[in-house]
PDB file of all heavy atoms in Angstrom:
ATOM      1  N   ASP A   1      68.209  18.245-100.611  1.00  0.00           N
ATOM      2  CA  ASP A   1      69.283  17.423-100.143  1.00  0.00           C
ATOM      3  C   ASP A   1      70.687  18.040-100.189  1.00  0.00           C
ATOM      4  O   ASP A   1      71.622  17.436 -99.789  1.00  0.00           O
ATOM      5  CB  ASP A   1      69.332  16.097-100.912  1.00  0.00           C
ATOM      6  CG  ASP A   1      68.042  15.322-100.796  1.00  0.00           C
ATOM      7  OD1 ASP A   1      67.361  15.443 -99.789  1.00  0.00           O
ATOM      8  OD2 ASP A   1      67.697  14.712-101.841  1.00  0.00           O
ATOM      9  N   ASN A   2      70.802  19.273-100.698  1.00  0.00           N
ATOM     10  CA  ASN A   2      72.131  19.779-100.982  1.00  0.00           C
ATOM     11  C   ASN A   2      73.023  19.861 -99.750  1.00  0.00           C
ATOM     12  O   ASN A   2      72.655  20.559 -98.768  1.00  0.00           O
ATOM     13  CB  ASN A   2      72.011  21.178-101.614  1.00  0.00           C
ATOM     14  CG  ASN A   2      73.358  21.762-101.918  1.00  0.00           C
ATOM     15  OD1 ASN A   2      74.178  21.127-102.519  1.00  0.00           O
ATOM     16  ND2 ASN A   2      73.604  23.040-101.502  1.00  0.00           N
ATOM     17  N   ALA A   3      74.097  19.165 -99.765  1.00  0.00           N
ATOM     18  CA  ALA A   3      75.103  19.210 -98.693  1.00  0.00           C
ATOM     19  C   ALA A   3      76.373  18.505 -99.250  1.00  0.00           C
ATOM     20  O   ALA A   3      76.283  17.866-100.310  1.00  0.00           O
ATOM     21  CB  ALA A   3      74.635  18.507 -97.437  1.00  0.00           C
ATOM     22  N   ASN A   4      77.488  18.623 -98.559  1.00  0.00           N
ATOM     23  CA  ASN A   4      78.628  17.877 -98.973  1.00  0.00           C
ATOM     24  C   ASN A   4      78.541  16.411 -98.599  1.00  0.00           C
ATOM     25  O   ASN A   4      77.880  16.097 -97.621  1.00  0.00           O
ATOM     26  CB  ASN A   4      79.931  18.547 -98.434  1.00  0.00           C
ATOM     27  CG  ASN A   4      81.050  18.447 -99.389  1.00  0.00           C
ATOM     28  OD1 ASN A   4      81.217  17.497-100.174  1.00  0.00           O
ATOM     29  ND2 ASN A   4      81.912  19.455 -99.455  1.00  0.00           N
ATOM     30  N   VAL A   5      79.242  15.625 -99.319  1.00  0.00           N
ATOM     31  CA  VAL A   5      79.156  14.124 -99.176  1.00  0.00           C
ATOM     32  C   VAL A   5      80.261  13.574 -98.339  1.00  0.00           C
ATOM     33  O   VAL A   5      81.344  14.176 -98.257  1.00  0.00           O
ATOM     34  CB  VAL A   5      79.088  13.417-100.505  1.00  0.00           C
ATOM     35  CG1 VAL A   5      77.809  13.799-101.256  1.00  0.00           C
ATOM     36  CG2 VAL A   5      80.312  13.695-101.321  1.00  0.00           C
ATOM     37  N   HIS A   6      79.971  12.467 -97.593  1.00  0.00           N
ATOM     38  CA  HIS A   6      80.988  11.617 -96.960  1.00  0.00           C
ATOM     39  C   HIS A   6      81.539  12.270 -95.696  1.00  0.00           C
ATOM     40  O   HIS A   6      82.282  11.589 -94.970  1.00  0.00           O
ATOM     41  CB  HIS A   6      82.189  11.314 -97.885  1.00  0.00           C
ATOM     42  CG  HIS A   6      81.773  10.513 -99.101  1.00  0.00           C
ATOM     43  ND1 HIS A   6      82.348  10.840-100.327  1.00  0.00           N
ATOM     44  CD2 HIS A   6      80.870   9.537 -99.314  1.00  0.00           C
ATOM     45  CE1 HIS A   6      81.824  10.003-101.230  1.00  0.00           C
ATOM     46  NE2 HIS A   6      80.907   9.234-100.688  1.00  0.00           N
ATOM     47  N   ARG A   7      81.299  13.514 -95.447  1.00  0.00           N
ATOM     48  CA  ARG A   7      82.030  14.216 -94.370  1.00  0.00           C
ATOM     49  C   ARG A   7      81.141  14.735 -93.247  1.00  0.00           C
ATOM     50  O   ARG A   7      81.623  15.384 -92.292  1.00  0.00           O
ATOM     51  CB  ARG A   7      82.794  15.393 -94.985  1.00  0.00           C
ATOM     52  CG  ARG A   7      83.742  14.959 -96.092  1.00  0.00           C
ATOM     53  CD  ARG A   7      84.333  16.119 -96.871  1.00  0.00           C
ATOM     54  NE  ARG A   7      84.879  15.697 -98.141  1.00  0.00           N
ATOM     55  CZ  ARG A   7      85.419  16.516 -99.011  1.00  0.00           C
ATOM     56  NH1 ARG A   7      85.363  17.850 -98.885  1.00  0.00           N
ATOM     57  NH2 ARG A   7      85.880  16.057-100.161  1.00  0.00           N
ATOM     58  N   GLY A   8      79.866  14.544 -93.380  1.00  0.00           N
ATOM     59  CA  GLY A   8      78.975  15.092 -92.339  1.00  0.00           C
ATOM     60  C   GLY A   8      78.110  13.971 -91.716  1.00  0.00           C
ATOM     61  O   GLY A   8      77.853  12.914 -92.363  1.00  0.00           O
ATOM     62  N   VAL A   9      77.656  14.246 -90.541  1.00  0.00           N
ATOM     63  CA  VAL A   9      76.765  13.259 -89.832  1.00  0.00           C
ATOM     64  C   VAL A   9      75.334  13.809 -89.781  1.00  0.00           C
ATOM     65  O   VAL A   9      74.431  13.133 -89.250  1.00  0.00           O
ATOM     66  CB  VAL A   9      77.232  12.969 -88.414  1.00  0.00           C
ATOM     67  CG1 VAL A   9      78.626  12.265 -88.523  1.00  0.00           C
ATOM     68  CG2 VAL A   9      77.380  14.237 -87.560  1.00  0.00           C
ATOM     69  N   HIS A  10      75.096  15.051 -90.287  1.00  0.00           N
ATOM     70  CA  HIS A  10      73.742  15.605 -90.232  1.00  0.00           C
ATOM     71  C   HIS A  10      72.875  14.998 -91.365  1.00  0.00           C
ATOM     72  O   HIS A  10      73.429  14.398 -92.339  1.00  0.00           O
ATOM     73  CB  HIS A  10      73.817  17.172 -90.275  1.00  0.00           C
ATOM     74  CG  HIS A  10      74.453  17.708 -91.480  1.00  0.00           C
ATOM     75  ND1 HIS A  10      73.792  17.852 -92.712  1.00  0.00           N
ATOM     76  CD2 HIS A  10      75.754  18.208 -91.628  1.00  0.00           C
ATOM     77  CE1 HIS A  10      74.655  18.418 -93.547  1.00  0.00           C
ATOM     78  NE2 HIS A  10      75.811  18.618 -92.950  1.00  0.00           N
ATOM     79  N   ALA A  11      71.631  15.195 -91.225  1.00  0.00           N
ATOM     80  CA  ALA A  11      70.668  14.537 -92.173  1.00  0.00           C
ATOM     81  C   ALA A  11      70.899  14.858 -93.647  1.00  0.00           C
ATOM     82  O   ALA A  11      70.886  13.979 -94.465  1.00  0.00           O
ATOM     83  CB  ALA A  11      69.282  14.807 -91.748  1.00  0.00           C
ATOM     84  N   LEU A  12      71.109  16.155 -93.948  1.00  0.00           N
ATOM     85  CA  LEU A  12      71.327  16.562 -95.332  1.00  0.00           C
ATOM     86  C   LEU A  12      72.532  15.918 -95.918  1.00  0.00           C
ATOM     87  O   LEU A  12      72.552  15.419 -97.064  1.00  0.00           O
ATOM     88  CB  LEU A  12      71.340  18.051 -95.439  1.00  0.00           C
ATOM     89  CG  LEU A  12      70.026  18.737 -95.831  1.00  0.00           C
ATOM     90  CD1 LEU A  12      69.021  18.496 -94.773  1.00  0.00           C
ATOM     91  CD2 LEU A  12      70.243  20.213 -96.115  1.00  0.00           C
ATOM     92  N   SER A  13      73.629  15.861 -95.160  1.00  0.00           N
ATOM     93  CA  SER A  13      74.871  15.184 -95.694  1.00  0.00           C
ATOM     94  C   SER A  13      74.652  13.714 -95.884  1.00  0.00           C
ATOM     95  O   SER A  13      75.185  13.174 -96.954  1.00  0.00           O
ATOM     96  CB  SER A  13      76.020  15.469 -94.681  1.00  0.00           C
ATOM     97  OG  SER A  13      77.202  14.800 -95.147  1.00  0.00           O
ATOM     98  N   GLU A  14      73.912  13.111 -94.980  1.00  0.00           N
ATOM     99  CA  GLU A  14      73.669  11.667 -95.206  1.00  0.00           C
ATOM    100  C   GLU A  14      72.803  11.413 -96.440  1.00  0.00           C
ATOM    101  O   GLU A  14      73.032  10.488 -97.216  1.00  0.00           O
ATOM    102  CB  GLU A  14      73.056  11.115 -93.979  1.00  0.00           C
ATOM    103  CG  GLU A  14      73.971  11.012 -92.752  1.00  0.00           C
ATOM    104  CD  GLU A  14      73.361  10.473 -91.525  1.00  0.00           C
ATOM    105  OE1 GLU A  14      72.101  10.304 -91.521  1.00  0.00           O
ATOM    106  OE2 GLU A  14      74.057  10.170 -90.567  1.00  0.00           O
ATOM    107  N   ARG A  15      71.796  12.325 -96.675  1.00  0.00           N
ATOM    108  CA  ARG A  15      70.983  12.131 -97.857  1.00  0.00           C
ATOM    109  C   ARG A  15      71.749  12.400 -99.107  1.00  0.00           C
ATOM    110  O   ARG A  15      71.602  11.743-100.096  1.00  0.00           O
ATOM    111  CB  ARG A  15      69.740  13.064 -97.786  1.00  0.00           C
ATOM    112  CG  ARG A  15      68.796  12.756 -96.670  1.00  0.00           C
ATOM    113  CD  ARG A  15      67.380  13.148 -97.003  1.00  0.00           C
ATOM    114  NE  ARG A  15      67.187  14.531 -97.320  1.00  0.00           N
ATOM    115  CZ  ARG A  15      66.719  15.461 -96.481  1.00  0.00           C
ATOM    116  NH1 ARG A  15      66.342  15.155 -95.297  1.00  0.00           N
ATOM    117  NH2 ARG A  15      66.592  16.740 -96.856  1.00  0.00           N
ATOM    118  N   ALA A  16      72.580  13.401 -99.080  1.00  0.00           N
ATOM    119  CA  ALA A  16      73.417  13.766-100.238  1.00  0.00           C
ATOM    120  C   ALA A  16      74.375  12.624-100.561  1.00  0.00           C
ATOM    121  O   ALA A  16      74.587  12.267-101.726  1.00  0.00           O
ATOM    122  CB  ALA A  16      74.180  15.086-100.025  1.00  0.00           C
ATOM    123  N   THR A  17      74.935  12.048 -99.508  1.00  0.00           N
ATOM    124  CA  THR A  17      75.876  10.963 -99.705  1.00  0.00           C
ATOM    125  C   THR A  17      75.177   9.727-100.318  1.00  0.00           C
ATOM    126  O   THR A  17      75.682   9.045-101.239  1.00  0.00           O
ATOM    127  CB  THR A  17      76.551  10.547 -98.366  1.00  0.00           C
ATOM    128  OG1 THR A  17      77.309  11.645 -97.875  1.00  0.00           O
ATOM    129  CG2 THR A  17      77.444   9.319 -98.541  1.00  0.00           C
ATOM    130  N   GLU A  18      74.008   9.444 -99.787  1.00  0.00           N
ATOM    131  CA  GLU A  18      73.203   8.344-100.406  1.00  0.00           C
ATOM    132  C   GLU A  18      72.867   8.585-101.845  1.00  0.00           C
ATOM    133  O   GLU A  18      72.894   7.668-102.651  1.00  0.00           O
ATOM    134  CB  GLU A  18      71.986   8.067 -99.537  1.00  0.00           C
ATOM    135  CG  GLU A  18      71.022   7.000-100.123  1.00  0.00           C
ATOM    136  CD  GLU A  18      71.662   5.700-100.430  1.00  0.00           C
ATOM    137  OE1 GLU A  18      72.651   5.324 -99.676  1.00  0.00           O
ATOM    138  OE2 GLU A  18      71.248   5.011-101.387  1.00  0.00           O
ATOM    139  N   ALA A  19      72.481   9.781-102.165  1.00  0.00           N
ATOM    140  CA  ALA A  19      72.180  10.150-103.510  1.00  0.00           C
ATOM    141  C   ALA A  19      73.371   9.976-104.401  1.00  0.00           C
ATOM    142  O   ALA A  19      73.287   9.413-105.535  1.00  0.00           O
ATOM    143  CB  ALA A  19      71.601  11.575-103.620  1.00  0.00           C
ATOM    144  N   TYR A  20      74.535  10.435-103.969  1.00  0.00           N
ATOM    145  CA  TYR A  20      75.785  10.351-104.770  1.00  0.00           C
ATOM    146  C   TYR A  20      76.187   8.884-104.922  1.00  0.00           C
ATOM    147  O   TYR A  20      76.532   8.438-106.100  1.00  0.00           O
ATOM    148  CB  TYR A  20      76.856  11.133-104.014  1.00  0.00           C
ATOM    149  CG  TYR A  20      78.137  11.202-104.727  1.00  0.00           C
ATOM    150  CD1 TYR A  20      78.291  11.896-105.935  1.00  0.00           C
ATOM    151  CD2 TYR A  20      79.307  10.662-104.181  1.00  0.00           C
ATOM    152  CE1 TYR A  20      79.472  12.019-106.599  1.00  0.00           C
ATOM    153  CE2 TYR A  20      80.533  10.767-104.869  1.00  0.00           C
ATOM    154  CZ  TYR A  20      80.629  11.436-106.053  1.00  0.00           C
ATOM    155  OH  TYR A  20      81.829  11.581-106.681  1.00  0.00           O
ATOM    156  N   GLU A  21      76.216   8.107-103.900  1.00  0.00           N
ATOM    157  CA  GLU A  21      76.654   6.745-103.931  1.00  0.00           C
ATOM    158  C   GLU A  21      75.550   5.896-104.652  1.00  0.00           C
ATOM    159  O   GLU A  21      75.878   4.910-105.355  1.00  0.00           O
ATOM    160  CB  GLU A  21      77.002   6.144-102.611  1.00  0.00           C
ATOM    161  CG  GLU A  21      78.241   6.856-101.985  1.00  0.00           C
ATOM    162  CD  GLU A  21      79.467   6.735-102.891  1.00  0.00           C
ATOM    163  OE1 GLU A  21      79.601   5.665-103.594  1.00  0.00           O
ATOM    164  OE2 GLU A  21      80.288   7.596-102.802  1.00  0.00           O
ATOM    165  N   GLY A  22      74.316   6.292-104.495  1.00  0.00           N
ATOM    166  CA  GLY A  22      73.219   5.622-105.292  1.00  0.00           C
ATOM    167  C   GLY A  22      73.403   5.870-106.786  1.00  0.00           C
ATOM    168  O   GLY A  22      73.152   4.945-107.600  1.00  0.00           O
ATOM    169  N   ALA A  23      73.916   7.059-107.154  1.00  0.00           N
ATOM    170  CA  ALA A  23      74.170   7.338-108.570  1.00  0.00           C
ATOM    171  C   ALA A  23      75.304   6.423-109.036  1.00  0.00           C
ATOM    172  O   ALA A  23      75.290   5.961-110.214  1.00  0.00           O
ATOM    173  CB  ALA A  23      74.489   8.791-108.773  1.00  0.00           C
ATOM    174  N   ARG A  24      76.289   6.217-108.256  1.00  0.00           N
ATOM    175  CA  ARG A  24      77.432   5.341-108.577  1.00  0.00           C
ATOM    176  C   ARG A  24      76.888   3.912-108.857  1.00  0.00           C
ATOM    177  O   ARG A  24      77.304   3.240-109.806  1.00  0.00           O
ATOM    178  CB  ARG A  24      78.474   5.316-107.468  1.00  0.00           C
ATOM    179  CG  ARG A  24      79.781   4.664-107.990  1.00  0.00           C
ATOM    180  CD  ARG A  24      80.771   4.454-106.868  1.00  0.00           C
ATOM    181  NE  ARG A  24      81.022   5.676-105.992  1.00  0.00           N
ATOM    182  CZ  ARG A  24      81.846   6.597-106.253  1.00  0.00           C
ATOM    183  NH1 ARG A  24      82.595   6.526-107.360  1.00  0.00           N
ATOM    184  NH2 ARG A  24      81.971   7.608-105.352  1.00  0.00           N
TER     185      ARG A  24
END
């Protein structure tokens, strides 16, 4: 899932964002 969060519309960025916000 490695990608930057909140700033991309591609699949990896969306998965990374969900993982990060899920951690929150």
